Amino acid sequence: MTTMPISPAAPATVVPPPPLEHLRSPTTRAVLRIQQRILAAARELLGAEGFMELLPPTIGPVTDPGARGAKQVDIDFYGHRYKLMTSGILYKQASLLAFDKIFNIAPNVRLEPLETATTHRHLAEFHQIDVEVAGATRQDVTALAERLIRHVFAACAADMRDELALLNRDHNALLAVANADFDTVSHHEAAERLQALGHTQSFHAELDWVGEELLSRHSPRPFFVVDYPKGSRGFYDRESRNDPGVLRNFDLIMPEGYGEVISGSEREHDYTRLITRMRETGENPAKYRWYLDIAREGIPASAGFGIGLERLTRCVAGLDAVWQASSFPKIPGVVSA
């Protein structure tokens, strides 16, 4: 595959080659075989731990409103305005009415801001491995996320040596993740580290993309960032009952400059608190009628997370940019197949 040389810090947008060239490339084929092994490994571990895989919707009357400045895509659904899914979080919570431990693998569409075209970490269409567990705490699901990532990296290191060699990816880098003990830092500590590195980072906002990458490059192993400030995430992230203003959520940041691959949290499920949080975040509760009707009757308390599949593939395969992990990549602002 012929591409311009790129790196996670490069300022220019690199446009993927046309499908004819991209799909015929030995590089693409190796990457997609690795991606297939990632999916198989995720299903292996989750299946062994008793999870039920469900097929989520791709359209609905509402979708995740907390997608970091990305715009939602409207469609006409028999005279009603529906949304393409930016994330299935609301449906994951509702699915716990049927099963206590669920996961799904599905496409998501987010019209990301144009500036994300140069991060090499964003796509307008991507796939996510979504996991949700009834009655779980943040500690439960961060431990699950660590087991899952370690299993994926171990499986790919063991089974994908030829593909890794073709990509010049040292399988020992995968074993380092598979055998690592993941670290944990608070959002406040992460912001302090960034300021010490000369990067301006607010203590009251999400870590920005440059900051995530900077921390990633300075860490020898994956680490969780926990306790984001209230207001930085969606209404469904549960606020700490003991520490008001702090959310019971987390991100997983991978080393080597690859940045965040997982976001998750304990979920708000109380009807009254959900309405309050919606209003605090500028959302109209009337839009979420079906969801709130379920919450009024009782959504299980839960915690869960979503893994960006193409981002995870990029980490495993050692790719320059996330579009290389997609069969038909769509970079923000770039018209493509």
C-alpha atoms as a PDB file:
ATOM      1  CA  MET A   1       0.000   0.000   0.000  1.00  0.00           C
ATOM      2  CA  THR A   2       1.456   3.358  -1.021  1.00  0.00           C
ATOM      3  CA  THR A   3       0.923   6.056   1.599  1.00  0.00           C
ATOM      4  CA  MET A   4       2.610   9.223   2.708  1.00  0.00           C
ATOM      5  CA  PRO A   5       4.852   8.730   5.756  1.00  0.00           C
ATOM      6  CA  ILE A   6       2.944   9.640   8.892  1.00  0.00           C
ATOM      7  CA  SER A   7       3.302   9.634  12.638  1.00  0.00           C
ATOM      8  CA  PRO A   8       0.872  10.296  15.496  1.00  0.00           C
ATOM      9  CA  ALA A   9       2.263  13.835  15.816  1.00  0.00           C
ATOM     10  CA  ALA A  10       2.251  14.767  12.104  1.00  0.00           C
ATOM     11  CA  PRO A  11       0.194  17.894  11.358  1.00  0.00           C
ATOM     12  CA  ALA A  12      -1.090  17.016   7.885  1.00  0.00           C
ATOM     13  CA  THR A  13      -4.074  14.911   6.911  1.00  0.00           C
ATOM     14  CA  VAL A  14      -3.042  11.758   5.061  1.00  0.00           C
ATOM     15  CA  VAL A  15      -5.782  10.645   2.697  1.00  0.00           C
ATOM     16  CA  PRO A  16      -6.133   6.850   2.423  1.00  0.00           C
ATOM     17  CA  PRO A  17      -5.567   5.289  -0.991  1.00  0.00           C
ATOM     18  CA  PRO A  18      -8.606   4.300  -3.081  1.00  0.00           C
ATOM     19  CA  PRO A  19     -10.302   0.985  -2.172  1.00  0.00           C
ATOM     20  CA  LEU A  20      -8.745  -0.866  -5.110  1.00  0.00           C
ATOM     21  CA  GLU A  21      -5.245  -0.171  -3.805  1.00  0.00           C
ATOM     22  CA  HIS A  22      -6.069  -0.350  -0.103  1.00  0.00           C
ATOM     23  CA  LEU A  23      -7.857  -3.707  -0.185  1.00  0.00           C
ATOM     24  CA  ARG A  24      -5.274  -5.387  -2.415  1.00  0.00           C
ATOM     25  CA  SER A  25      -2.398  -4.346  -0.168  1.00  0.00           C
ATOM     26  CA  PRO A  26      -0.592  -7.128   1.764  1.00  0.00           C
ATOM     27  CA  THR A  27      -0.344  -4.613   4.610  1.00  0.00           C
ATOM     28  CA  THR A  28      -4.107  -4.163   4.767  1.00  0.00           C
ATOM     29  CA  ARG A  29      -4.690  -7.906   4.644  1.00  0.00           C
ATOM     30  CA  ALA A  30      -2.254  -8.457   7.528  1.00  0.00           C
ATOM     31  CA  VAL A  31      -3.919  -5.735   9.593  1.00  0.00           C
ATOM     32  CA  LEU A  32      -7.401  -7.116   9.009  1.00  0.00           C
ATOM     33  CA  ARG A  33      -6.288 -10.640   9.941  1.00  0.00           C
ATOM     34  CA  ILE A  34      -4.949  -9.217  13.191  1.00  0.00           C
ATOM     35  CA  GLN A  35      -8.247  -7.410  13.707  1.00  0.00           C
ATOM     36  CA  GLN A  36     -10.116 -10.672  13.206  1.00  0.00           C
ATOM     37  CA  ARG A  37      -7.952 -12.274  15.903  1.00  0.00           C
ATOM     38  CA  ILE A  38      -8.659  -9.346  18.235  1.00  0.00           C
ATOM     39  CA  LEU A  39     -12.400  -9.886  17.825  1.00  0.00           C
ATOM     40  CA  ALA A  40     -12.069 -13.641  18.326  1.00  0.00           C
ATOM     41  CA  ALA A  41      -9.970 -13.115  21.465  1.00  0.00           C
ATOM     42  CA  ALA A  42     -12.484 -10.623  22.883  1.00  0.00           C
ATOM     43  CA  ARG A  43     -15.307 -13.080  22.295  1.00  0.00           C
ATOM     44  CA  GLU A  44     -13.233 -15.888  23.844  1.00  0.00           C
ATOM     45  CA  LEU A  45     -12.683 -14.052  27.108  1.00  0.00           C
ATOM     46  CA  LEU A  46     -16.139 -12.534  27.400  1.00  0.00           C
ATOM     47  CA  GLY A  47     -17.811 -15.808  26.483  1.00  0.00           C
ATOM     48  CA  ALA A  48     -15.750 -17.657  29.083  1.00  0.00           C
ATOM     49  CA  GLU A  49     -16.872 -15.133  31.701  1.00  0.00           C
ATOM     50  CA  GLY A  50     -20.551 -15.636  30.942  1.00  0.00           C
ATOM     51  CA  PHE A  51     -21.339 -12.638  28.745  1.00  0.00           C
ATOM     52  CA  MET A  52     -24.197 -12.658  26.254  1.00  0.00           C
ATOM     53  CA  GLU A  53     -23.495 -11.063  22.864  1.00  0.00           C
ATOM     54  CA  LEU A  54     -26.418  -8.994  21.611  1.00  0.00           C
ATOM     55  CA  LEU A  55     -26.970  -7.271  18.271  1.00  0.00           C
ATOM     56  CA  PRO A  56     -27.617  -3.582  18.999  1.00  0.00           C
ATOM     57  CA  PRO A  57     -29.605  -1.120  16.879  1.00  0.00           C
ATOM     58  CA  THR A  58     -27.860   1.158  14.408  1.00  0.00           C
ATOM     59  CA  ILE A  59     -30.621   3.807  14.459  1.00  0.00           C
ATOM     60  CA  GLY A  60     -32.836   5.177  17.205  1.00  0.00           C
ATOM     61  CA  PRO A  61     -34.786   8.231  18.349  1.00  0.00           C
ATOM     62  CA  VAL A  62     -31.753   9.334  20.405  1.00  0.00           C
ATOM     63  CA  THR A  63     -28.112   8.362  20.735  1.00  0.00           C
ATOM     64  CA  ASP A  64     -25.158   9.097  23.009  1.00  0.00           C
ATOM     65  CA  PRO A  65     -24.954  12.892  23.443  1.00  0.00           C
ATOM     66  CA  GLY A  66     -21.514  12.873  25.053  1.00  0.00           C
ATOM     67  CA  ALA A  67     -19.300  12.355  21.984  1.00  0.00           C
ATOM     68  CA  ARG A  68     -16.690  15.100  22.450  1.00  0.00           C
ATOM     69  CA  GLY A  69     -17.862  17.707  19.983  1.00  0.00           C
ATOM     70  CA  ALA A  70     -18.879  15.243  17.266  1.00  0.00           C
ATOM     71  CA  LYS A  71     -22.126  15.900  15.392  1.00  0.00           C
ATOM     72  CA  GLN A  72     -24.894  13.329  15.148  1.00  0.00           C
ATOM     73  CA  VAL A  73     -26.353  12.172  11.835  1.00  0.00           C
ATOM     74  CA  ASP A  74     -30.117  12.505  11.371  1.00  0.00           C
ATOM     75  CA  ILE A  75     -32.182  10.244   9.119  1.00  0.00           C
ATOM     76  CA  ASP A  76     -35.858  10.208   8.194  1.00  0.00           C
ATOM     77  CA  PHE A  77     -37.556   7.189   9.765  1.00  0.00           C
ATOM     78  CA  TYR A  78     -41.088   7.152   8.335  1.00  0.00           C
ATOM     79  CA  GLY A  79     -41.595  10.825   9.060  1.00  0.00           C
ATOM     80  CA  HIS A  80     -39.728  10.809  12.377  1.00  0.00           C
ATOM     81  CA  ARG A  81     -36.227  12.149  12.948  1.00  0.00           C
ATOM     82  CA  TYR A  82     -33.968   9.325  14.082  1.00  0.00           C
ATOM     83  CA  LYS A  83     -30.223   9.183  14.717  1.00  0.00           C
ATOM     84  CA  LEU A  84     -27.436   6.949  13.564  1.00  0.00           C
ATOM     85  CA  MET A  85     -25.774   5.503  16.643  1.00  0.00           C
ATOM     86  CA  THR A  86     -22.735   7.378  17.919  1.00  0.00           C
ATOM     87  CA  SER A  87     -22.635   4.856  20.771  1.00  0.00           C
ATOM     88  CA  GLY A  88     -25.028   2.229  22.073  1.00  0.00           C
ATOM     89  CA  ILE A  89     -24.669   3.207  25.742  1.00  0.00           C
ATOM     90  CA  LEU A  90     -28.385   3.782  26.393  1.00  0.00           C
ATOM     91  CA  TYR A  91     -29.286   0.488  24.728  1.00  0.00           C
ATOM     92  CA  LYS A  92     -26.603  -1.317  26.723  1.00  0.00           C
ATOM     93  CA  GLN A  93     -28.232  -0.184  29.960  1.00  0.00           C
ATOM     94  CA  ALA A  94     -31.671  -1.216  28.730  1.00  0.00           C
ATOM     95  CA  SER A  95     -30.343  -4.632  27.632  1.00  0.00           C
ATOM     96  CA  LEU A  96     -29.531  -5.458  31.248  1.00  0.00           C
ATOM     97  CA  LEU A  97     -33.261  -5.971  31.754  1.00  0.00           C
ATOM     98  CA  ALA A  98     -32.735  -9.242  29.856  1.00  0.00           C
ATOM     99  CA  PHE A  99     -29.205 -10.329  30.810  1.00  0.00           C
ATOM    100  CA  ASP A 100     -26.813  -9.345  33.601  1.00  0.00           C
ATOM    101  CA  LYS A 101     -23.640  -9.368  31.478  1.00  0.00           C
ATOM    102  CA  ILE A 102     -23.790  -8.270  27.863  1.00  0.00           C
ATOM    103  CA  PHE A 103     -21.526  -7.137  25.065  1.00  0.00           C
ATOM    104  CA  ASN A 104     -21.930  -6.122  21.465  1.00  0.00           C
ATOM    105  CA  ILE A 105     -19.730  -5.203  18.523  1.00  0.00           C
ATOM    106  CA  ALA A 106     -21.241  -2.576  16.281  1.00  0.00           C
ATOM    107  CA  PRO A 107     -20.521   0.343  13.937  1.00  0.00           C
ATOM    108  CA  ASN A 108     -20.796   3.912  15.182  1.00  0.00           C
ATOM    109  CA  VAL A 109     -20.999   7.115  13.146  1.00  0.00           C
ATOM    110  CA  ARG A 110     -19.735  10.444  14.471  1.00  0.00           C
ATOM    111  CA  LEU A 111     -19.128  13.522  12.360  1.00  0.00           C
ATOM    112  CA  GLU A 112     -15.966  14.449  14.220  1.00  0.00           C
ATOM    113  CA  PRO A 113     -14.626  18.030  14.152  1.00  0.00           C
ATOM    114  CA  LEU A 114     -12.430  18.666  11.121  1.00  0.00           C
ATOM    115  CA  GLU A 115      -9.350  19.173  13.292  1.00  0.00           C
ATOM    116  CA  THR A 116      -9.486  15.479  14.245  1.00  0.00           C
ATOM    117  CA  ALA A 117      -8.472  14.591  10.677  1.00  0.00           C
ATOM    118  CA  THR A 118      -4.862  15.181  11.729  1.00  0.00           C
ATOM    119  CA  THR A 119      -4.854  13.266  15.036  1.00  0.00           C
ATOM    120  CA  HIS A 120      -4.463   9.883  13.280  1.00  0.00           C
ATOM    121  CA  ARG A 121      -6.809   8.538  15.982  1.00  0.00           C
ATOM    122  CA  HIS A 122     -10.253   9.500  14.662  1.00  0.00           C
ATOM    123  CA  LEU A 123     -12.636   8.099  12.091  1.00  0.00           C
ATOM    124  CA  ALA A 124     -16.116   9.302  11.177  1.00  0.00           C
ATOM    125  CA  GLU A 125     -17.232   5.654  11.068  1.00  0.00           C
ATOM    126  CA  PHE A 126     -15.720   3.122  13.429  1.00  0.00           C
ATOM    127  CA  HIS A 127     -16.559  -0.029  15.374  1.00  0.00           C
ATOM    128  CA  GLN A 128     -16.781  -0.472  19.093  1.00  0.00           C
ATOM    129  CA  ILE A 129     -16.688  -3.439  21.458  1.00  0.00           C
ATOM    130  CA  ASP A 130     -19.250  -2.451  24.097  1.00  0.00           C
ATOM    131  CA  VAL A 131     -19.474  -4.199  27.460  1.00  0.00           C
ATOM    132  CA  GLU A 132     -21.944  -3.715  30.335  1.00  0.00           C
ATOM    133  CA  VAL A 133     -22.325  -5.543  33.666  1.00  0.00           C
ATOM    134  CA  ALA A 134     -25.299  -5.266  36.029  1.00  0.00           C
ATOM    135  CA  GLY A 135     -24.392  -4.556  39.654  1.00  0.00           C
ATOM    136  CA  ALA A 136     -20.744  -3.873  38.806  1.00  0.00           C
ATOM    137  CA  THR A 137     -18.491  -1.160  40.203  1.00  0.00           C
ATOM    138  CA  ARG A 138     -15.781   0.769  38.401  1.00  0.00           C
ATOM    139  CA  GLN A 139     -13.203  -1.498  40.007  1.00  0.00           C
ATOM    140  CA  ASP A 140     -15.004  -4.533  38.603  1.00  0.00           C
ATOM    141  CA  VAL A 141     -15.021  -3.284  35.020  1.00  0.00           C
ATOM    142  CA  THR A 142     -11.520  -1.798  35.007  1.00  0.00           C
ATOM    143  CA  ALA A 143     -10.283  -5.224  36.153  1.00  0.00           C
ATOM    144  CA  LEU A 144     -12.331  -6.803  33.339  1.00  0.00           C
ATOM    145  CA  ALA A 145     -10.952  -4.307  30.804  1.00  0.00           C
ATOM    146  CA  GLU A 146      -7.403  -5.127  31.916  1.00  0.00           C
ATOM    147  CA  ARG A 147      -8.019  -8.870  31.570  1.00  0.00           C
ATOM    148  CA  LEU A 148      -9.533  -8.336  28.142  1.00  0.00           C
ATOM    149  CA  ILE A 149      -6.695  -6.169  26.807  1.00  0.00           C
ATOM    150  CA  ARG A 150      -4.042  -8.488  28.182  1.00  0.00           C
ATOM    151  CA  HIS A 151      -5.776 -11.510  26.634  1.00  0.00           C
ATOM    152  CA  VAL A 152      -6.057  -9.804  23.247  1.00  0.00           C
ATOM    153  CA  PHE A 153      -2.389  -8.811  23.192  1.00  0.00           C
ATOM    154  CA  ALA A 154      -1.264 -12.273  24.324  1.00  0.00           C
ATOM    155  CA  ALA A 155      -3.407 -13.986  21.678  1.00  0.00           C
ATOM    156  CA  CYS A 156      -2.092 -11.760  18.891  1.00  0.00           C
ATOM    157  CA  ALA A 157       1.520 -12.163  20.031  1.00  0.00           C
ATOM    158  CA  ALA A 158       1.112 -15.946  19.985  1.00  0.00           C
ATOM    159  CA  ASP A 159      -0.944 -16.397  16.824  1.00  0.00           C
ATOM    160  CA  MET A 160      -0.130 -13.513  14.481  1.00  0.00           C
ATOM    161  CA  ARG A 161       3.673 -13.633  14.233  1.00  0.00           C
ATOM    162  CA  ASP A 162       3.742 -13.660  10.433  1.00  0.00           C
ATOM    163  CA  GLU A 163       1.420 -10.682  10.181  1.00  0.00           C
ATOM    164  CA  LEU A 164       3.318  -8.770  12.870  1.00  0.00           C
ATOM    165  CA  ALA A 165       6.594  -9.464  11.072  1.00  0.00           C
ATOM    166  CA  LEU A 166       5.166  -8.180   7.784  1.00  0.00           C
ATOM    167  CA  LEU A 167       4.194  -4.966   9.599  1.00  0.00           C
ATOM    168  CA  ASN A 168       7.604  -4.731  11.344  1.00  0.00           C
ATOM    169  CA  ARG A 169       5.822  -4.902  14.696  1.00  0.00           C
ATOM    170  CA  ASP A 170       7.925  -6.433  17.462  1.00  0.00           C
ATOM    171  CA  HIS A 171       5.793  -9.091  19.141  1.00  0.00           C
ATOM    172  CA  ASN A 172       7.694  -8.413  22.373  1.00  0.00           C
ATOM    173  CA  ALA A 173       5.888  -5.066  22.542  1.00  0.00           C
ATOM    174  CA  LEU A 174       2.641  -7.025  22.651  1.00  0.00           C
ATOM    175  CA  LEU A 175       3.961  -9.359  25.333  1.00  0.00           C
ATOM    176  CA  ALA A 176       4.957  -6.325  27.414  1.00  0.00           C
ATOM    177  CA  VAL A 177       1.299  -5.246  27.482  1.00  0.00           C
ATOM    178  CA  ALA A 178       0.050  -8.805  28.008  1.00  0.00           C
ATOM    179  CA  ASN A 179       2.251  -9.158  31.092  1.00  0.00           C
ATOM    180  CA  ALA A 180       1.909  -5.615  32.454  1.00  0.00           C
ATOM    181  CA  ASP A 181       0.182  -4.470  35.617  1.00  0.00           C
ATOM    182  CA  PHE A 182      -1.857  -1.463  34.514  1.00  0.00           C
ATOM    183  CA  ASP A 183      -1.441   1.761  36.466  1.00  0.00           C
ATOM    184  CA  THR A 184      -4.164   4.137  37.698  1.00  0.00           C
ATOM    185  CA  VAL A 185      -4.008   7.929  38.069  1.00  0.00           C
ATOM    186  CA  SER A 186      -6.713  10.461  38.796  1.00  0.00           C
ATOM    187  CA  HIS A 187      -7.733  13.070  36.247  1.00  0.00           C
ATOM    188  CA  HIS A 188      -6.286  15.713  38.587  1.00  0.00           C
ATOM    189  CA  GLU A 189      -2.943  13.898  38.717  1.00  0.00           C
ATOM    190  CA  ALA A 190      -2.940  13.505  34.932  1.00  0.00           C
ATOM    191  CA  ALA A 191      -3.567  17.245  34.493  1.00  0.00           C
ATOM    192  CA  GLU A 192      -0.712  18.001  36.897  1.00  0.00           C
ATOM    193  CA  ARG A 193       1.628  15.733  34.909  1.00  0.00           C
ATOM    194  CA  LEU A 194       0.682  17.480  31.689  1.00  0.00           C
ATOM    195  CA  GLN A 195       1.268  20.923  33.157  1.00  0.00           C
ATOM    196  CA  ALA A 196       4.667  19.765  34.416  1.00  0.00           C
ATOM    197  CA  LEU A 197       5.423  18.691  30.830  1.00  0.00           C
ATOM    198  CA  GLY A 198       4.533  22.186  29.623  1.00  0.00           C
ATOM    199  CA  HIS A 199       1.127  21.285  28.204  1.00  0.00           C
ATOM    200  CA  THR A 200      -1.849  23.457  29.130  1.00  0.00           C
ATOM    201  CA  GLN A 201      -4.583  21.220  30.522  1.00  0.00           C
ATOM    202  CA  SER A 202      -7.631  22.370  32.475  1.00  0.00           C
ATOM    203  CA  PHE A 203      -8.451  20.560  35.706  1.00  0.00           C
ATOM    204  CA  HIS A 204     -12.146  20.961  34.813  1.00  0.00           C
ATOM    205  CA  ALA A 205     -12.203  19.462  31.305  1.00  0.00           C
ATOM    206  CA  GLU A 206     -11.455  16.192  29.568  1.00  0.00           C
ATOM    207  CA  LEU A 207      -7.852  15.497  28.704  1.00  0.00           C
ATOM    208  CA  ASP A 208      -7.400  16.844  25.203  1.00  0.00           C
ATOM    209  CA  TRP A 209      -6.107  14.668  22.378  1.00  0.00           C
ATOM    210  CA  VAL A 210      -2.614  16.126  22.435  1.00  0.00           C
ATOM    211  CA  GLY A 211      -2.448  15.663  26.197  1.00  0.00           C
ATOM    212  CA  GLU A 212      -3.547  12.037  25.990  1.00  0.00           C
ATOM    213  CA  GLU A 213      -0.863  11.333  23.425  1.00  0.00           C
ATOM    214  CA  LEU A 214       1.775  13.128  25.481  1.00  0.00           C
ATOM    215  CA  LEU A 215       0.968  11.106  28.602  1.00  0.00           C
ATOM    216  CA  SER A 216       0.880   7.980  26.481  1.00  0.00           C
ATOM    217  CA  ARG A 217       4.404   8.601  25.195  1.00  0.00           C
ATOM    218  CA  HIS A 218       5.698   9.072  28.739  1.00  0.00           C
ATOM    219  CA  SER A 219       4.212   5.853  30.131  1.00  0.00           C
ATOM    220  CA  PRO A 220       5.890   2.427  29.889  1.00  0.00           C
ATOM    221  CA  ARG A 221       2.586   0.574  30.337  1.00  0.00           C
ATOM    222  CA  PRO A 222      -1.181   1.080  29.949  1.00  0.00           C
ATOM    223  CA  PHE A 223      -2.838   3.171  32.644  1.00  0.00           C
ATOM    224  CA  PHE A 224      -6.334   4.157  33.702  1.00  0.00           C
ATOM    225  CA  VAL A 225      -7.309   7.787  34.201  1.00  0.00           C
ATOM    226  CA  VAL A 226     -10.189   7.966  36.705  1.00  0.00           C
ATOM    227  CA  ASP A 227     -12.422  10.569  38.345  1.00  0.00           C
ATOM    228  CA  TYR A 228     -13.105  13.006  35.527  1.00  0.00           C
ATOM    229  CA  PRO A 229     -14.807  16.229  36.630  1.00  0.00           C
ATOM    230  CA  LYS A 230     -18.563  16.480  36.388  1.00  0.00           C
ATOM    231  CA  GLY A 231     -19.555  18.302  33.221  1.00  0.00           C
ATOM    232  CA  SER A 232     -16.808  16.749  31.130  1.00  0.00           C
ATOM    233  CA  ARG A 233     -18.833  13.655  30.207  1.00  0.00           C
ATOM    234  CA  GLY A 234     -22.402  12.554  29.436  1.00  0.00           C
ATOM    235  CA  PHE A 235     -25.338  12.447  31.843  1.00  0.00           C
ATOM    236  CA  TYR A 236     -25.102   8.644  32.176  1.00  0.00           C
ATOM    237  CA  ASP A 237     -21.706   8.711  33.962  1.00  0.00           C
ATOM    238  CA  ARG A 238     -22.526   8.370  37.647  1.00  0.00           C
ATOM    239  CA  GLU A 239     -21.484  11.158  39.978  1.00  0.00           C
ATOM    240  CA  SER A 240     -19.718  10.030  43.131  1.00  0.00           C
ATOM    241  CA  ARG A 241     -22.026  10.073  46.134  1.00  0.00           C
ATOM    242  CA  ASN A 242     -19.034  10.654  48.427  1.00  0.00           C
ATOM    243  CA  ASP A 243     -17.188  13.199  46.304  1.00  0.00           C
ATOM    244  CA  PRO A 244     -19.690  15.505  44.558  1.00  0.00           C
ATOM    245  CA  GLY A 245     -18.465  16.953  41.291  1.00  0.00           C
ATOM    246  CA  VAL A 246     -16.404  13.851  40.470  1.00  0.00           C
ATOM    247  CA  LEU A 247     -17.566  11.134  38.092  1.00  0.00           C
ATOM    248  CA  ARG A 248     -17.099   7.417  38.667  1.00  0.00           C
ATOM    249  CA  ASN A 249     -15.605   6.929  35.228  1.00  0.00           C
ATOM    250  CA  PHE A 250     -12.324   6.095  33.509  1.00  0.00           C
ATOM    251  CA  ASP A 251     -10.290   6.010  30.320  1.00  0.00           C
ATOM    252  CA  LEU A 252      -7.580   3.510  29.436  1.00  0.00           C
ATOM    253  CA  ILE A 253      -4.515   5.108  27.852  1.00  0.00           C
ATOM    254  CA  MET A 254      -2.137   2.843  25.954  1.00  0.00           C
ATOM    255  CA  PRO A 255       1.647   3.437  25.814  1.00  0.00           C
ATOM    256  CA  GLU A 256       3.808   4.286  22.765  1.00  0.00           C
ATOM    257  CA  GLY A 257       1.760   7.383  21.902  1.00  0.00           C
ATOM    258  CA  TYR A 258      -1.395   5.506  20.917  1.00  0.00           C
ATOM    259  CA  GLY A 259      -3.555   7.300  23.486  1.00  0.00           C
ATOM    260  CA  GLU A 260      -7.019   6.341  24.717  1.00  0.00           C
ATOM    261  CA  VAL A 261      -8.661   3.117  23.545  1.00  0.00           C
ATOM    262  CA  ILE A 262     -11.323   2.549  26.238  1.00  0.00           C
ATOM    263  CA  SER A 263     -13.820   4.814  27.985  1.00  0.00           C
ATOM    264  CA  GLY A 264     -16.183   3.599  30.675  1.00  0.00           C
ATOM    265  CA  SER A 265     -17.942   4.347  33.930  1.00  0.00           C
ATOM    266  CA  GLU A 266     -20.402   3.358  36.545  1.00  0.00           C
ATOM    267  CA  ARG A 267     -23.806   4.360  35.142  1.00  0.00           C
ATOM    268  CA  GLU A 268     -26.408   6.683  36.543  1.00  0.00           C
ATOM    269  CA  HIS A 269     -29.655   4.721  36.671  1.00  0.00           C
ATOM    270  CA  ASP A 270     -31.873   6.597  39.126  1.00  0.00           C
ATOM    271  CA  TYR A 271     -34.758   8.272  37.279  1.00  0.00           C
ATOM    272  CA  THR A 272     -34.686  11.555  39.175  1.00  0.00           C
ATOM    273  CA  ARG A 273     -30.920  11.883  39.012  1.00  0.00           C
ATOM    274  CA  LEU A 274     -30.954  11.112  35.293  1.00  0.00           C
ATOM    275  CA  ILE A 275     -33.364  13.950  34.603  1.00  0.00           C
ATOM    276  CA  THR A 276     -31.276  16.303  36.748  1.00  0.00           C
ATOM    277  CA  ARG A 277     -28.070  15.308  34.953  1.00  0.00           C
ATOM    278  CA  MET A 278     -29.719  15.681  31.559  1.00  0.00           C
ATOM    279  CA  ARG A 279     -30.750  19.223  32.372  1.00  0.00           C
ATOM    280  CA  GLU A 280     -27.296  20.013  33.781  1.00  0.00           C
ATOM    281  CA  THR A 281     -25.699  18.904  30.520  1.00  0.00           C
ATOM    282  CA  GLY A 282     -28.161  20.863  28.370  1.00  0.00           C
ATOM    283  CA  GLU A 283     -30.179  17.860  27.219  1.00  0.00           C
ATOM    284  CA  ASN A 284     -33.970  17.883  26.874  1.00  0.00           C
ATOM    285  CA  PRO A 285     -35.386  14.940  28.866  1.00  0.00           C
ATOM    286  CA  ALA A 286     -38.387  14.774  26.513  1.00  0.00           C
ATOM    287  CA  LYS A 287     -36.091  13.453  23.754  1.00  0.00           C
ATOM    288  CA  TYR A 288     -35.232  10.431  25.906  1.00  0.00           C
ATOM    289  CA  ARG A 289     -38.771   9.333  26.661  1.00  0.00           C
ATOM    290  CA  TRP A 290     -38.308   5.620  25.898  1.00  0.00           C
ATOM    291  CA  TYR A 291     -35.145   5.498  27.999  1.00  0.00           C
ATOM    292  CA  LEU A 292     -36.649   7.432  30.915  1.00  0.00           C
ATOM    293  CA  ASP A 293     -39.788   5.275  30.841  1.00  0.00           C
ATOM    294  CA  ILE A 294     -37.538   2.265  31.425  1.00  0.00           C
ATOM    295  CA  ALA A 295     -35.553   4.115  34.080  1.00  0.00           C
ATOM    296  CA  ARG A 296     -38.765   5.007  35.914  1.00  0.00           C
ATOM    297  CA  GLU A 297     -39.596   1.314  36.128  1.00  0.00           C
ATOM    298  CA  GLY A 298     -36.007   0.477  37.113  1.00  0.00           C
ATOM    299  CA  ILE A 299     -32.802   0.114  35.121  1.00  0.00           C
ATOM    300  CA  PRO A 300     -30.247  -2.076  36.925  1.00  0.00           C
ATOM    301  CA  ALA A 301     -27.257  -0.352  38.452  1.00  0.00           C
ATOM    302  CA  SER A 302     -24.300  -1.147  36.225  1.00  0.00           C
ATOM    303  CA  ALA A 303     -20.855  -0.274  34.940  1.00  0.00           C
ATOM    304  CA  GLY A 304     -19.303  -0.809  31.550  1.00  0.00           C
ATOM    305  CA  PHE A 305     -17.027   0.443  28.826  1.00  0.00           C
ATOM    306  CA  GLY A 306     -16.494   0.758  25.095  1.00  0.00           C
ATOM    307  CA  ILE A 307     -13.344  -0.189  23.187  1.00  0.00           C
ATOM    308  CA  GLY A 308     -12.544   1.482  19.883  1.00  0.00           C
ATOM    309  CA  LEU A 309     -11.788  -1.520  17.681  1.00  0.00           C
ATOM    310  CA  GLU A 310      -9.754   0.336  15.068  1.00  0.00           C
ATOM    311  CA  ARG A 311      -7.776   2.124  17.793  1.00  0.00           C
ATOM    312  CA  LEU A 312      -7.062  -1.175  19.515  1.00  0.00           C
ATOM    313  CA  THR A 313      -6.031  -2.699  16.186  1.00  0.00           C
ATOM    314  CA  ARG A 314      -3.682   0.222  15.616  1.00  0.00           C
ATOM    315  CA  CYS A 315      -2.006  -0.433  18.986  1.00  0.00           C
ATOM    316  CA  VAL A 316      -1.619  -4.158  18.411  1.00  0.00           C
ATOM    317  CA  ALA A 317      -0.376  -3.819  14.836  1.00  0.00           C
ATOM    318  CA  GLY A 318       1.840  -0.783  15.485  1.00  0.00           C
ATOM    319  CA  LEU A 319       0.164   1.343  12.821  1.00  0.00           C
ATOM    320  CA  ASP A 320       0.807   4.990  12.076  1.00  0.00           C
ATOM    321  CA  ALA A 321      -2.860   5.901  11.777  1.00  0.00           C
ATOM    322  CA  VAL A 322      -6.214   4.437  12.726  1.00  0.00           C
ATOM    323  CA  TRP A 323      -7.565   4.506   9.158  1.00  0.00           C
ATOM    324  CA  GLN A 324      -5.126   1.700   8.312  1.00  0.00           C
ATOM    325  CA  ALA A 325      -7.242  -0.543  10.578  1.00  0.00           C
ATOM    326  CA  SER A 326     -10.414  -0.064   8.529  1.00  0.00           C
ATOM    327  CA  SER A 327     -11.491  -1.818   5.327  1.00  0.00           C
ATOM    328  CA  PHE A 328     -13.231   1.314   4.053  1.00  0.00           C
ATOM    329  CA  PRO A 329     -11.792   4.161   6.136  1.00  0.00           C
ATOM    330  CA  LYS A 330     -13.631   7.442   6.535  1.00  0.00           C
ATOM    331  CA  ILE A 331     -11.444  10.255   7.858  1.00  0.00           C
ATOM    332  CA  PRO A 332     -13.330  13.287   9.208  1.00  0.00           C
ATOM    333  CA  GLY A 333     -13.988  15.754   6.394  1.00  0.00           C
ATOM    334  CA  VAL A 334     -12.594  13.500   3.649  1.00  0.00           C
ATOM    335  CA  VAL A 335     -15.165  12.196   1.147  1.00  0.00           C
ATOM    336  CA  SER A 336     -14.525   8.505   0.530  1.00  0.00           C
ATOM    337  CA  ALA A 337     -16.145   5.186  -0.359  1.00  0.00           C
END
